[in-house]
N, C-alpha and C. Protein backbone atom coordinates (compact mmCIF):
# COMPACT_ATOMS: atom_id res chain seq x y z
N MET A 1 4.41 19.00 20.49
CA MET A 1 3.65 17.89 20.50
C MET A 1 4.48 16.91 18.88
N LYS A 2 4.36 15.48 19.65
CA LYS A 2 4.62 14.90 18.80
C LYS A 2 4.56 14.80 17.13
N THR A 3 5.08 14.73 16.12
CA THR A 3 4.20 14.13 15.13
C THR A 3 4.74 12.62 14.16
N TYR A 4 4.32 12.13 13.43
CA TYR A 4 4.52 11.19 13.26
C TYR A 4 4.37 11.09 11.73
N LYS A 5 5.23 10.37 11.08
CA LYS A 5 5.51 9.87 9.20
C LYS A 5 5.55 9.11 9.13
N ILE A 6 4.80 8.44 8.09
CA ILE A 6 4.88 7.01 7.45
C ILE A 6 5.06 7.27 5.94
N TYR A 7 5.64 6.27 5.47
CA TYR A 7 6.23 6.84 3.91
C TYR A 7 5.73 5.15 3.67
N PHE A 8 4.41 5.60 2.60
CA PHE A 8 3.70 4.30 1.88
C PHE A 8 4.98 3.86 0.68
N ILE A 9 4.65 2.83 0.16
CA ILE A 9 5.72 2.57 -1.01
C ILE A 9 5.05 1.14 -1.26
N ARG A 10 4.38 0.79 -3.14
CA ARG A 10 4.30 0.26 -3.57
C ARG A 10 5.08 -0.68 -4.15
N HIS A 11 5.25 -1.96 -4.44
CA HIS A 11 6.13 -3.21 -4.17
C HIS A 11 6.61 -2.46 -6.16
N GLY A 12 7.80 -2.89 -6.37
CA GLY A 12 8.21 -2.75 -7.97
C GLY A 12 7.12 -3.85 -8.90
N LEU A 13 7.27 -3.25 -10.01
CA LEU A 13 6.50 -4.03 -10.93
C LEU A 13 6.78 -5.63 -11.50
N THR A 14 5.75 -5.90 -11.37
CA THR A 14 5.26 -7.55 -11.66
C THR A 14 5.14 -7.69 -13.06
N GLU A 15 5.11 -9.09 -13.24
CA GLU A 15 4.31 -9.32 -14.76
C GLU A 15 3.21 -9.12 -14.97
N GLY A 16 2.51 -9.30 -13.65
CA GLY A 16 0.88 -9.65 -13.34
C GLY A 16 0.33 -7.99 -13.94
N ASN A 17 1.15 -6.98 -13.18
CA ASN A 17 1.33 -5.59 -13.49
C ASN A 17 0.99 -5.42 -14.47
N LEU A 18 1.98 -5.98 -15.98
CA LEU A 18 2.46 -6.01 -17.01
C LEU A 18 1.11 -6.12 -17.75
N LYS A 19 0.58 -7.05 -17.43
CA LYS A 19 -0.89 -8.22 -18.22
C LYS A 19 -2.06 -7.69 -17.54
N GLY A 20 -1.78 -6.77 -16.71
CA GLY A 20 -3.09 -6.14 -15.92
C GLY A 20 -3.97 -7.16 -15.66
N GLN A 21 -3.33 -8.10 -14.72
CA GLN A 21 -4.12 -9.11 -14.16
C GLN A 21 -4.30 -8.60 -12.81
N TYR A 22 -5.52 -9.46 -12.11
CA TYR A 22 -5.82 -9.14 -10.66
C TYR A 22 -4.85 -10.01 -9.97
N ILE A 23 -3.67 -9.34 -9.58
CA ILE A 23 -3.04 -9.99 -8.39
C ILE A 23 -3.02 -10.10 -7.33
N GLY A 24 -3.58 -10.39 -5.94
CA GLY A 24 -3.43 -10.45 -4.81
C GLY A 24 -2.73 -11.40 -3.88
N GLN A 25 -3.00 -12.42 -3.79
CA GLN A 25 -2.06 -13.23 -2.92
C GLN A 25 -1.25 -13.66 -3.28
N THR A 26 -1.38 -14.41 -4.92
CA THR A 26 -0.38 -15.50 -5.28
C THR A 26 1.08 -14.33 -5.31
N ASP A 27 1.98 -15.52 -4.79
CA ASP A 27 3.32 -14.87 -4.10
C ASP A 27 4.46 -14.93 -5.28
N ILE A 28 4.44 -14.14 -6.49
CA ILE A 28 4.91 -13.39 -7.49
C ILE A 28 6.37 -12.45 -6.49
N PRO A 29 6.94 -12.58 -7.89
CA PRO A 29 8.08 -11.61 -7.99
C PRO A 29 7.98 -10.47 -8.75
N VAL A 30 8.82 -9.29 -8.29
CA VAL A 30 9.17 -7.98 -8.66
C VAL A 30 10.24 -8.85 -9.94
N ILE A 31 10.06 -8.31 -11.46
CA ILE A 31 10.28 -8.69 -12.13
C ILE A 31 11.77 -7.91 -12.50
N PRO A 32 13.10 -8.74 -13.42
CA PRO A 32 14.08 -7.77 -13.76
C PRO A 32 13.98 -6.68 -13.57
N GLU A 33 13.09 -6.41 -14.87
CA GLU A 33 12.84 -5.25 -15.46
C GLU A 33 12.24 -3.79 -14.17
N GLY A 34 11.70 -4.48 -12.99
CA GLY A 34 11.34 -3.97 -12.06
C GLY A 34 12.39 -3.63 -11.03
N LEU A 35 13.25 -4.39 -10.72
CA LEU A 35 14.48 -4.32 -9.73
C LEU A 35 15.19 -3.12 -10.70
N GLN A 36 15.25 -3.11 -11.62
CA GLN A 36 16.12 -2.43 -12.44
C GLN A 36 15.76 -0.67 -12.21
N MET A 37 14.00 -0.67 -12.84
CA MET A 37 13.23 0.91 -12.41
C MET A 37 13.81 1.08 -10.74
N LEU A 38 13.45 0.12 -9.90
CA LEU A 38 13.95 0.95 -8.48
C LEU A 38 15.04 1.18 -8.03
N GLU A 39 16.17 0.33 -8.82
CA GLU A 39 17.96 1.31 -8.66
C GLU A 39 17.83 2.01 -9.35
N LYS A 40 17.01 2.26 -10.19
CA LYS A 40 17.45 3.78 -11.40
C LYS A 40 16.46 4.91 -10.52
N MET A 41 15.43 4.29 -9.75
CA MET A 41 14.47 5.34 -8.79
C MET A 41 15.18 5.57 -7.46
N LYS A 42 16.09 4.58 -7.03
CA LYS A 42 16.68 4.90 -5.77
C LYS A 42 18.28 5.99 -6.58
N GLU A 43 19.16 5.80 -7.54
CA GLU A 43 19.39 6.83 -7.48
C GLU A 43 19.31 8.41 -8.17
N LYS A 44 18.06 8.23 -8.90
CA LYS A 44 17.51 9.84 -9.34
C LYS A 44 16.90 10.31 -8.11
N TYR A 45 16.48 9.79 -6.87
CA TYR A 45 15.25 10.30 -6.61
C TYR A 45 16.01 10.02 -4.67
N PHE A 46 15.45 10.58 -3.86
CA PHE A 46 15.34 10.39 -2.18
C PHE A 46 14.70 9.50 -1.65
N TYR A 47 14.47 8.44 -0.91
CA TYR A 47 13.57 7.68 -0.72
C TYR A 47 14.17 7.68 0.91
N PRO A 48 13.57 8.72 2.02
CA PRO A 48 13.45 8.99 2.96
C PRO A 48 13.61 7.75 4.09
N ASP A 49 15.27 7.90 5.66
CA ASP A 49 14.90 6.97 6.11
C ASP A 49 14.07 6.36 7.27
N ALA A 50 13.61 5.76 8.31
CA ALA A 50 12.97 5.76 8.54
C ALA A 50 13.22 4.76 9.80
N GLU A 51 12.45 4.76 10.88
CA GLU A 51 13.59 3.85 12.26
C GLU A 51 12.43 2.65 12.43
N LEU A 52 11.37 2.41 11.70
CA LEU A 52 10.25 1.58 11.65
C LEU A 52 10.36 1.15 10.22
N PHE A 53 10.08 -0.15 10.04
CA PHE A 53 10.10 -0.60 8.91
C PHE A 53 8.65 -1.90 8.54
N TYR A 54 7.20 -1.43 7.88
CA TYR A 54 6.47 -2.46 8.36
C TYR A 54 6.19 -3.28 6.86
N VAL A 55 6.60 -4.51 6.59
CA VAL A 55 6.46 -4.72 5.05
C VAL A 55 5.02 -5.76 4.82
N SER A 56 4.55 -5.87 3.75
CA SER A 56 3.37 -7.24 3.69
C SER A 56 4.10 -8.48 3.58
N PRO A 57 3.89 -9.61 3.75
CA PRO A 57 5.21 -10.98 3.60
C PRO A 57 4.73 -11.14 1.95
N MET A 58 4.18 -10.67 1.34
CA MET A 58 4.83 -10.82 0.34
C MET A 58 5.60 -11.13 -0.56
N TYR A 59 6.26 -11.69 -0.90
CA TYR A 59 7.98 -11.50 -1.67
C TYR A 59 8.33 -10.17 -2.83
N ARG A 60 7.36 -10.03 -3.33
CA ARG A 60 7.96 -8.62 -4.24
C ARG A 60 7.25 -7.67 -3.48
N CYS A 61 6.87 -6.93 -2.39
CA CYS A 61 7.11 -6.32 -1.11
C CYS A 61 8.15 -7.04 -0.17
N ARG A 62 8.84 -7.60 -0.13
CA ARG A 62 9.74 -7.51 0.73
C ARG A 62 11.08 -7.35 -0.75
N GLN A 63 11.05 -7.88 -1.67
CA GLN A 63 12.41 -7.57 -2.84
C GLN A 63 12.30 -6.25 -2.71
N THR A 64 11.15 -5.42 -2.78
CA THR A 64 11.41 -4.27 -2.96
C THR A 64 12.26 -2.93 -1.62
N LEU A 65 11.44 -3.75 -0.57
CA LEU A 65 12.31 -3.00 0.68
C LEU A 65 13.12 -3.31 0.65
N ASP A 66 14.21 -4.18 -0.26
CA ASP A 66 15.57 -5.17 0.09
C ASP A 66 16.18 -4.17 -0.80
N VAL A 67 15.54 -3.45 -2.05
CA VAL A 67 16.40 -2.99 -2.84
C VAL A 67 16.78 -1.53 -2.36
N LEU A 68 15.37 -0.89 -1.71
CA LEU A 68 15.43 0.89 -1.24
C LEU A 68 16.24 0.59 0.14
N TYR A 69 15.53 -0.11 1.20
CA TYR A 69 16.54 0.19 2.54
C TYR A 69 17.50 -1.59 2.39
N PRO A 70 18.46 -1.77 2.12
CA PRO A 70 18.95 -3.10 2.16
C PRO A 70 19.60 -3.17 3.41
N ASN A 71 19.85 -2.71 4.17
CA ASN A 71 20.21 -2.76 6.01
C ASN A 71 18.77 -2.56 7.10
N CYS A 72 17.85 -2.54 6.05
CA CYS A 72 16.52 -2.43 7.45
C CYS A 72 16.25 -3.62 8.28
N ASP A 73 15.50 -3.37 8.98
CA ASP A 73 15.00 -5.27 9.93
C ASP A 73 13.62 -4.65 9.76
N PRO A 74 13.55 -5.33 8.46
CA PRO A 74 11.59 -5.14 8.33
C PRO A 74 10.70 -5.73 9.72
N ILE A 75 9.33 -5.48 9.40
CA ILE A 75 8.49 -5.91 10.79
C ILE A 75 7.67 -7.10 9.73
N ILE A 76 7.20 -7.86 9.53
CA ILE A 76 6.11 -8.27 8.70
C ILE A 76 4.72 -8.29 9.01
N VAL A 77 3.91 -8.16 8.31
CA VAL A 77 2.58 -7.56 8.86
C VAL A 77 1.67 -8.27 7.89
N PRO A 78 1.39 -9.57 8.79
CA PRO A 78 0.44 -10.22 7.82
C PRO A 78 -1.33 -9.93 6.78
N GLY A 79 -1.54 -8.50 7.74
CA GLY A 79 -2.52 -7.90 7.84
C GLY A 79 -2.37 -6.83 6.41
N LEU A 80 -0.97 -6.43 5.87
CA LEU A 80 -0.78 -5.67 4.81
C LEU A 80 -0.44 -6.24 3.82
N ILE A 81 -1.10 -7.63 3.28
CA ILE A 81 -1.56 -8.46 2.39
C ILE A 81 -2.67 -8.02 1.34
N GLU A 82 -2.04 -7.97 -0.25
CA GLU A 82 -3.41 -7.21 -1.19
C GLU A 82 -4.60 -8.53 -1.27
N TYR A 83 -5.72 -7.82 -1.73
CA TYR A 83 -7.16 -8.29 -1.80
C TYR A 83 -6.87 -9.80 -1.87
N ASN A 84 -8.02 -10.15 -1.02
CA ASN A 84 -8.15 -11.79 -1.74
C ASN A 84 -9.40 -11.60 -3.41
N PHE A 85 -8.57 -11.83 -4.23
CA PHE A 85 -9.56 -11.76 -5.54
C PHE A 85 -9.92 -13.05 -5.42
N GLY A 86 -9.88 -14.23 -5.57
CA GLY A 86 -10.68 -15.37 -5.22
C GLY A 86 -10.82 -15.64 -6.49
N ASP A 87 -11.66 -16.46 -7.14
CA ASP A 87 -11.60 -17.01 -8.80
C ASP A 87 -11.41 -15.99 -9.20
N PHE A 88 -11.14 -14.19 -9.28
CA PHE A 88 -10.97 -13.49 -9.99
C PHE A 88 -9.20 -13.19 -10.56
N GLU A 89 -8.57 -13.97 -9.35
CA GLU A 89 -7.09 -14.24 -9.47
C GLU A 89 -6.28 -14.22 -10.67
N GLY A 90 -5.24 -14.04 -11.00
CA GLY A 90 -4.69 -13.87 -12.09
C GLY A 90 -5.24 -13.38 -13.38
N LYS A 91 -6.65 -13.21 -13.30
CA LYS A 91 -7.60 -13.04 -14.83
C LYS A 91 -7.47 -11.53 -15.12
N THR A 92 -7.83 -11.11 -16.01
CA THR A 92 -7.47 -9.90 -16.48
C THR A 92 -9.02 -9.11 -16.90
N HIS A 93 -9.44 -7.90 -17.23
CA HIS A 93 -10.68 -7.93 -16.67
C HIS A 93 -11.49 -7.99 -18.66
N SER A 94 -10.41 -7.97 -19.12
CA SER A 94 -10.99 -8.80 -20.37
C SER A 94 -11.48 -9.99 -20.58
N GLU A 95 -11.11 -10.72 -19.57
CA GLU A 95 -11.51 -12.04 -19.23
C GLU A 95 -12.61 -12.38 -18.65
N LEU A 96 -12.59 -11.44 -17.82
CA LEU A 96 -13.87 -11.03 -16.81
C LEU A 96 -15.01 -10.25 -17.04
N LYS A 97 -15.24 -9.77 -18.35
CA LYS A 97 -15.92 -8.58 -18.49
C LYS A 97 -17.70 -9.42 -18.91
N ASP A 98 -17.65 -10.21 -18.79
CA ASP A 98 -18.89 -11.20 -19.23
C ASP A 98 -19.12 -11.76 -17.61
N ASN A 99 -18.47 -12.05 -17.05
CA ASN A 99 -18.47 -13.16 -15.86
C ASN A 99 -19.97 -12.06 -14.69
N GLU A 100 -20.69 -12.88 -14.86
CA GLU A 100 -21.97 -12.01 -13.90
C GLU A 100 -21.60 -11.52 -12.59
N ASP A 101 -20.34 -12.71 -11.40
CA ASP A 101 -20.02 -12.57 -10.19
C ASP A 101 -18.83 -10.89 -10.56
N TYR A 102 -18.63 -10.84 -11.84
CA TYR A 102 -17.25 -9.71 -12.08
C TYR A 102 -18.30 -8.65 -12.32
N ILE A 103 -19.61 -8.54 -13.02
CA ILE A 103 -20.45 -7.32 -13.46
C ILE A 103 -20.70 -6.54 -11.83
N LYS A 104 -21.48 -7.72 -11.22
CA LYS A 104 -21.97 -7.54 -9.68
C LYS A 104 -20.95 -6.95 -8.65
N TRP A 105 -19.63 -7.27 -8.45
CA TRP A 105 -18.63 -6.57 -7.93
C TRP A 105 -17.82 -5.09 -8.64
N THR A 106 -17.63 -5.48 -9.76
CA THR A 106 -17.37 -3.88 -10.08
C THR A 106 -18.37 -3.01 -10.64
N GLN A 107 -19.40 -3.28 -10.58
CA GLN A 107 -20.03 -2.27 -11.29
C GLN A 107 -21.66 -1.91 -10.05
N HIS A 108 -21.89 -2.25 -9.45
CA HIS A 108 -22.92 -2.69 -8.78
C HIS A 108 -22.34 -1.68 -7.38
N ASN A 109 -21.18 -1.00 -7.53
CA ASN A 109 -21.15 -0.28 -6.01
C ASN A 109 -21.52 -0.55 -4.71
N ASP A 110 -21.70 -2.14 -4.42
CA ASP A 110 -21.70 -2.84 -3.35
C ASP A 110 -20.80 -3.52 -2.45
N ILE A 111 -20.81 -2.84 -1.37
CA ILE A 111 -19.89 -2.89 -0.92
C ILE A 111 -19.63 -4.34 -0.21
N ASP A 112 -20.62 -5.01 -0.56
CA ASP A 112 -20.72 -6.39 0.44
C ASP A 112 -20.36 -7.14 -0.84
N ALA A 113 -20.11 -6.79 -2.07
CA ALA A 113 -20.11 -8.10 -3.14
C ALA A 113 -19.00 -8.63 -2.80
N THR A 114 -19.58 -9.99 -2.52
CA THR A 114 -17.60 -10.70 -2.19
C THR A 114 -16.99 -11.58 -3.83
N VAL A 115 -15.96 -11.36 -3.75
CA VAL A 115 -15.41 -12.39 -4.64
C VAL A 115 -15.65 -13.73 -4.68
N PRO A 116 -16.40 -14.73 -5.34
CA PRO A 116 -16.26 -16.13 -5.23
C PRO A 116 -15.14 -16.38 -4.78
N ASN A 117 -14.94 -17.11 -3.95
CA ASN A 117 -13.89 -17.76 -2.71
C ASN A 117 -12.96 -16.38 -2.86
N GLY A 118 -13.19 -15.11 -2.36
CA GLY A 118 -12.19 -14.56 -2.36
C GLY A 118 -13.13 -13.82 -0.82
N GLU A 119 -12.68 -12.33 -0.65
CA GLU A 119 -12.97 -11.29 -0.28
C GLU A 119 -14.38 -10.10 -0.50
N SER A 120 -15.19 -9.51 0.59
CA SER A 120 -15.98 -8.65 0.05
C SER A 120 -15.07 -7.35 0.01
N SER A 121 -15.24 -5.88 -0.23
CA SER A 121 -14.32 -5.08 -0.01
C SER A 121 -14.84 -3.97 1.42
N ARG A 122 -15.94 -4.64 2.18
CA ARG A 122 -16.46 -4.71 3.47
C ARG A 122 -14.77 -4.84 4.26
N GLU A 123 -15.10 -6.33 3.82
CA GLU A 123 -13.95 -6.95 4.60
C GLU A 123 -12.57 -6.70 4.57
N PHE A 124 -11.89 -6.29 3.26
CA PHE A 124 -10.88 -5.98 3.18
C PHE A 124 -10.50 -4.61 3.48
N ILE A 125 -11.67 -3.57 3.73
CA ILE A 125 -11.13 -2.40 3.90
C ILE A 125 -11.17 -2.46 5.98
N THR A 126 -11.78 -3.48 6.39
CA THR A 126 -11.76 -3.54 7.70
C THR A 126 -10.63 -4.25 8.42
N ARG A 127 -10.18 -5.29 7.43
CA ARG A 127 -8.80 -5.78 7.96
C ARG A 127 -7.55 -5.18 7.73
N VAL A 128 -7.85 -4.13 6.39
CA VAL A 128 -6.30 -3.08 6.53
C VAL A 128 -6.54 -2.07 7.26
N GLY A 129 -7.94 -1.47 8.07
CA GLY A 129 -8.21 -0.46 8.85
C GLY A 129 -7.22 -0.94 10.28
N THR A 130 -7.66 -2.27 10.28
CA THR A 130 -7.16 -2.63 11.66
C THR A 130 -6.06 -2.77 12.10
N THR A 131 -5.54 -3.21 10.60
CA THR A 131 -3.82 -3.59 10.25
C THR A 131 -2.97 -2.10 10.59
N PHE A 132 -3.49 -1.03 10.05
CA PHE A 132 -3.20 0.58 9.74
C PHE A 132 -3.03 0.65 11.41
N ASN A 133 -4.07 0.50 11.86
CA ASN A 133 -4.42 1.23 13.21
C ASN A 133 -3.34 0.62 14.30
N SER A 134 -3.05 -0.73 13.83
CA SER A 134 -2.45 -1.80 14.80
C SER A 134 -0.77 -1.23 14.31
N ILE A 135 -0.19 -0.71 12.98
CA ILE A 135 0.50 0.19 12.92
C ILE A 135 0.98 1.69 13.50
N VAL A 136 -0.09 2.28 13.76
CA VAL A 136 0.41 3.40 14.15
C VAL A 136 0.27 3.51 15.88
N LYS A 137 0.05 2.34 16.39
CA LYS A 137 -0.35 2.38 18.09
C LYS A 137 0.75 1.50 18.11
N HIS A 138 1.63 0.86 16.72
CA HIS A 138 3.01 0.37 17.53
C HIS A 138 4.21 1.11 18.15
N MET A 139 3.68 2.06 16.85
CA MET A 139 4.92 3.11 16.12
C MET A 139 4.76 4.18 17.97
N MET A 140 3.96 4.12 18.29
CA MET A 140 3.63 5.92 19.28
C MET A 140 3.53 4.67 20.75
N THR A 141 3.72 3.65 20.88
CA THR A 141 4.11 2.33 22.06
C THR A 141 5.57 2.66 22.12
N GLU A 142 6.12 2.21 21.16
CA GLU A 142 7.85 2.72 21.16
C GLU A 142 8.60 3.42 20.51
N GLY A 143 7.58 4.85 20.95
CA GLY A 143 8.31 6.00 20.29
C GLY A 143 9.02 6.56 19.48
N LYS A 144 8.59 6.10 18.40
CA LYS A 144 9.18 6.04 16.91
C LYS A 144 8.51 7.30 16.26
N THR A 145 9.00 7.87 15.47
CA THR A 145 8.12 8.66 15.04
C THR A 145 7.92 8.57 12.94
N THR A 146 9.49 7.93 12.76
CA THR A 146 8.67 7.92 11.34
C THR A 146 9.30 5.94 10.72
N ALA A 147 8.39 5.67 9.79
CA ALA A 147 8.24 4.93 9.82
C ALA A 147 8.11 4.11 8.04
N VAL A 148 8.18 3.37 7.48
CA VAL A 148 7.93 2.84 5.82
C VAL A 148 7.27 1.87 5.91
N VAL A 149 5.98 2.22 5.33
CA VAL A 149 5.44 0.90 5.20
C VAL A 149 5.16 1.08 3.53
N CYS A 150 6.07 -0.61 3.18
CA CYS A 150 5.90 -1.16 1.96
C CYS A 150 4.86 -2.31 1.58
N ALA A 151 4.15 -1.84 0.37
CA ALA A 151 3.02 -2.82 0.70
C ALA A 151 2.63 -2.73 -0.77
N HIS A 152 1.21 -2.85 -1.45
CA HIS A 152 0.12 -2.97 -2.50
C HIS A 152 -0.58 -1.65 -2.44
N GLY A 153 -0.34 -1.77 -4.40
CA GLY A 153 -1.29 -0.53 -4.58
C GLY A 153 -2.65 -0.54 -3.92
N GLY A 154 -3.64 -1.86 -3.82
CA GLY A 154 -4.90 -1.39 -2.84
C GLY A 154 -4.71 -1.68 -1.89
N VAL A 155 -3.87 -2.03 -0.74
CA VAL A 155 -3.77 -1.73 0.77
C VAL A 155 -3.39 -0.01 0.54
N ILE A 156 -2.73 0.14 0.22
CA ILE A 156 -2.23 2.11 -0.24
C ILE A 156 -3.49 2.73 -0.25
N SER A 157 -3.54 2.76 -1.35
CA SER A 157 -4.86 3.56 -1.93
C SER A 157 -6.02 3.45 -1.25
N THR A 158 -6.46 2.13 -0.34
CA THR A 158 -7.42 2.17 0.65
C THR A 158 -7.09 2.81 1.54
N ILE A 159 -6.04 2.53 2.58
CA ILE A 159 -5.47 3.55 3.56
C ILE A 159 -5.91 4.99 3.61
N LEU A 160 -5.25 5.47 2.49
CA LEU A 160 -5.92 7.15 2.11
C LEU A 160 -6.91 6.71 2.23
N ALA A 161 -7.48 6.43 1.35
CA ALA A 161 -9.32 6.67 1.14
C ALA A 161 -9.66 6.68 2.31
N THR A 162 -9.44 6.31 3.54
CA THR A 162 -10.02 6.09 4.40
C THR A 162 -9.39 7.12 5.26
N TYR A 163 -8.56 6.84 5.74
CA TYR A 163 -7.67 8.26 6.80
C TYR A 163 -7.40 9.70 6.03
N GLY A 164 -7.08 9.46 5.06
CA GLY A 164 -5.92 10.57 4.64
C GLY A 164 -6.83 11.80 4.46
N LEU A 165 -6.79 13.17 4.38
CA LEU A 165 -6.64 14.13 4.25
C LEU A 165 -5.61 15.16 3.17
N PRO A 166 -6.33 15.36 2.15
CA PRO A 166 -8.13 16.09 1.82
C PRO A 166 -8.41 14.56 1.37
N GLN A 167 -9.78 14.55 1.64
CA GLN A 167 -10.68 13.15 1.10
C GLN A 167 -10.88 13.05 0.06
N ARG A 168 -10.54 11.96 -0.44
CA ARG A 168 -10.51 11.56 -1.87
C ARG A 168 -10.91 10.35 -2.45
N LYS A 169 -11.68 10.09 -3.28
CA LYS A 169 -12.21 8.58 -3.54
C LYS A 169 -10.97 8.04 -4.08
N LEU A 170 -11.26 6.68 -3.70
CA LEU A 170 -10.07 5.41 -3.91
C LEU A 170 -9.43 5.53 -5.13
N THR A 171 -9.98 5.57 -6.32
CA THR A 171 -9.09 5.38 -7.42
C THR A 171 -8.86 6.91 -7.86
N ASP A 172 -9.06 8.18 -6.73
CA ASP A 172 -8.29 9.34 -6.70
C ASP A 172 -6.21 9.33 -5.88
N TRP A 173 -6.29 7.80 -5.60
CA TRP A 173 -4.97 7.49 -5.10
C TRP A 173 -4.31 6.26 -5.34
N GLU A 174 -4.43 6.90 -6.44
CA GLU A 174 -3.23 6.16 -7.47
C GLU A 174 -2.03 5.83 -7.07
N CYS A 175 -0.95 4.54 -7.02
CA CYS A 175 0.28 4.59 -6.37
C CYS A 175 0.90 4.01 -7.59
N LEU A 176 1.54 3.95 -7.63
CA LEU A 176 2.84 3.67 -9.07
C LEU A 176 3.84 2.70 -8.40
N ASN A 177 4.34 2.14 -9.22
CA ASN A 177 5.28 0.76 -8.59
C ASN A 177 6.74 1.51 -7.85
N GLY A 178 6.95 1.13 -7.05
CA GLY A 178 7.69 2.01 -6.74
C GLY A 178 7.75 3.15 -5.93
N LYS A 179 6.60 3.73 -5.57
CA LYS A 179 6.31 5.14 -5.50
C LYS A 179 5.22 4.95 -4.20
N GLY A 180 4.86 6.02 -4.08
CA GLY A 180 3.96 6.02 -2.68
C GLY A 180 3.63 7.72 -2.25
N TYR A 181 3.28 7.53 -1.06
CA TYR A 181 2.83 8.94 -0.67
C TYR A 181 3.36 9.57 1.17
N CYS A 182 3.36 10.26 1.68
CA CYS A 182 3.55 10.67 2.94
C CYS A 182 2.89 11.05 3.51
N ALA A 183 2.88 10.69 4.52
CA ALA A 183 1.76 10.65 5.38
C ALA A 183 1.84 11.29 7.10
N ILE A 184 1.46 12.29 7.75
CA ILE A 184 1.69 12.86 8.72
C ILE A 184 0.58 13.04 9.93
N ILE A 185 1.07 12.20 10.96
CA ILE A 185 -0.47 12.11 11.80
C ILE A 185 0.21 12.99 13.29
N ASN A 186 -0.69 13.85 13.19
CA ASN A 186 -0.67 14.60 14.13
C ASN A 186 -1.72 13.92 15.37
N PRO A 187 -0.73 13.59 16.67
CA PRO A 187 -1.41 12.69 17.13
C PRO A 187 -3.16 13.02 18.10
N SER A 188 -3.38 14.29 18.29
CA SER A 188 -4.79 14.91 18.59
C SER A 188 -5.85 14.83 17.47
N ILE A 189 -5.55 15.49 16.25
CA ILE A 189 -6.16 15.00 15.08
C ILE A 189 -6.77 13.45 15.18
N TRP A 190 -5.82 12.81 14.86
CA TRP A 190 -5.98 11.37 14.68
C TRP A 190 -6.47 10.55 15.84
N MET A 191 -6.43 10.77 17.14
CA MET A 191 -6.96 10.73 18.67
C MET A 191 -8.69 10.90 18.41
N ARG A 192 -8.95 12.05 17.99
CA ARG A 192 -10.12 12.50 18.28
C ARG A 192 -10.87 12.32 16.71
N GLY A 193 -10.52 12.36 15.86
CA GLY A 193 -10.87 11.71 13.90
C GLY A 193 -10.48 10.77 13.44
N GLY A 194 -9.47 10.30 13.68
CA GLY A 194 -8.66 9.38 12.67
C GLY A 194 -8.39 9.18 11.79
N MET A 195 -8.01 10.37 11.84
CA MET A 195 -7.52 11.30 10.15
C MET A 195 -6.24 11.43 10.27
N PHE A 196 -5.39 11.46 9.21
CA PHE A 196 -4.09 11.92 8.61
C PHE A 196 -3.86 13.24 7.71
N GLU A 197 -2.99 13.73 7.50
CA GLU A 197 -2.96 14.45 6.60
C GLU A 197 -1.63 13.64 5.79
N VAL A 198 -2.29 13.71 3.72
CA VAL A 198 -0.95 13.39 2.80
C VAL A 198 -0.27 14.70 2.43
N ALA A 199 0.72 14.41 2.81
CA ALA A 199 1.85 15.60 2.04
C ALA A 199 1.85 15.56 1.51
N GLY A 200 2.16 14.62 0.70
CA GLY A 200 3.28 14.96 -0.30
C GLY A 200 3.83 13.26 -1.53
N LEU A 201 4.03 13.20 -2.19
CA LEU A 201 4.90 12.18 -2.69
C LEU A 201 5.60 11.59 -2.63
N VAL A 202 6.46 10.07 -2.50
CA VAL A 202 7.65 9.38 -2.08
C VAL A 202 7.88 8.56 -3.62
N PRO A 203 8.84 8.94 -3.80
CA PRO A 203 9.86 9.12 -3.41
C PRO A 203 10.44 10.58 -3.63
N PHE A 204 11.21 11.42 -2.26
CA PHE A 204 11.25 12.69 -3.24
C PHE A 204 12.07 13.60 -4.01
N GLU A 205 12.07 14.68 -4.67
CA GLU A 205 13.42 14.90 -5.34
C GLU A 205 14.44 15.01 -3.96
N LYS A 206 15.75 15.15 -5.10
CA LYS A 206 16.52 14.64 -4.39
C LYS A 206 17.44 16.15 -3.30
N GLU A 207 17.51 15.73 -2.28
CA GLU A 207 17.60 16.99 -0.86
C GLU A 207 15.93 17.27 -0.67
N GLU A 208 15.19 17.12 -1.10
CA GLU A 208 14.04 17.61 -0.77
C GLU A 208 13.64 16.69 1.09
N GLU A 209 12.93 17.42 1.50
CA GLU A 209 12.44 16.44 3.00
C GLU A 209 10.72 17.38 3.03
N ILE A 210 9.65 16.48 3.64
CA ILE A 210 8.86 17.08 4.23
C ILE A 210 8.52 17.62 6.13
N GLU A 211 8.58 18.92 5.89
CA GLU A 211 8.88 19.14 7.65
C GLU A 211 7.46 18.93 8.07
């Protein structure tokens, strides 16, 4: 039986990452230092090749994919866009810590708490889950067994927390810039329970591969 490998990779470093800002759907680029970091990681580590490449429409993700896989033919997937932070967009925790809506969103563990003019966590999880299911279906329909998904930290950690084994909290699936995880999908387990195995980190050490 075929198994399917998906390599999740987060985009390179942005100014928003450095400042600790909530940057969701603002289309900012990877900073020059971030591009240099990607080039150095590409030299030091092994980014596995794939048959299909799915990418968020945000420029920072397309930039990252272009550095790591310059000859790929990416499929832009609108549903892979980061969380809509609404009125919190571009702000830091320090700037928001006394905001009542922010306190409710971060501290009350309410999946339906909605960011003003943004998304609720439930809406985000549903959107990302629907998108990921469509990616898996597309891979299987096309008969392709390897894919790269270049997206955002929140998107990747949400997918792993929802479908990944071992099961872990969202915050346990931290994803660093230019790095990510390898998922192995066994079709029978996926069809029966909608879960996949998280088999390791990406990129690999040189010459390393996950069977």
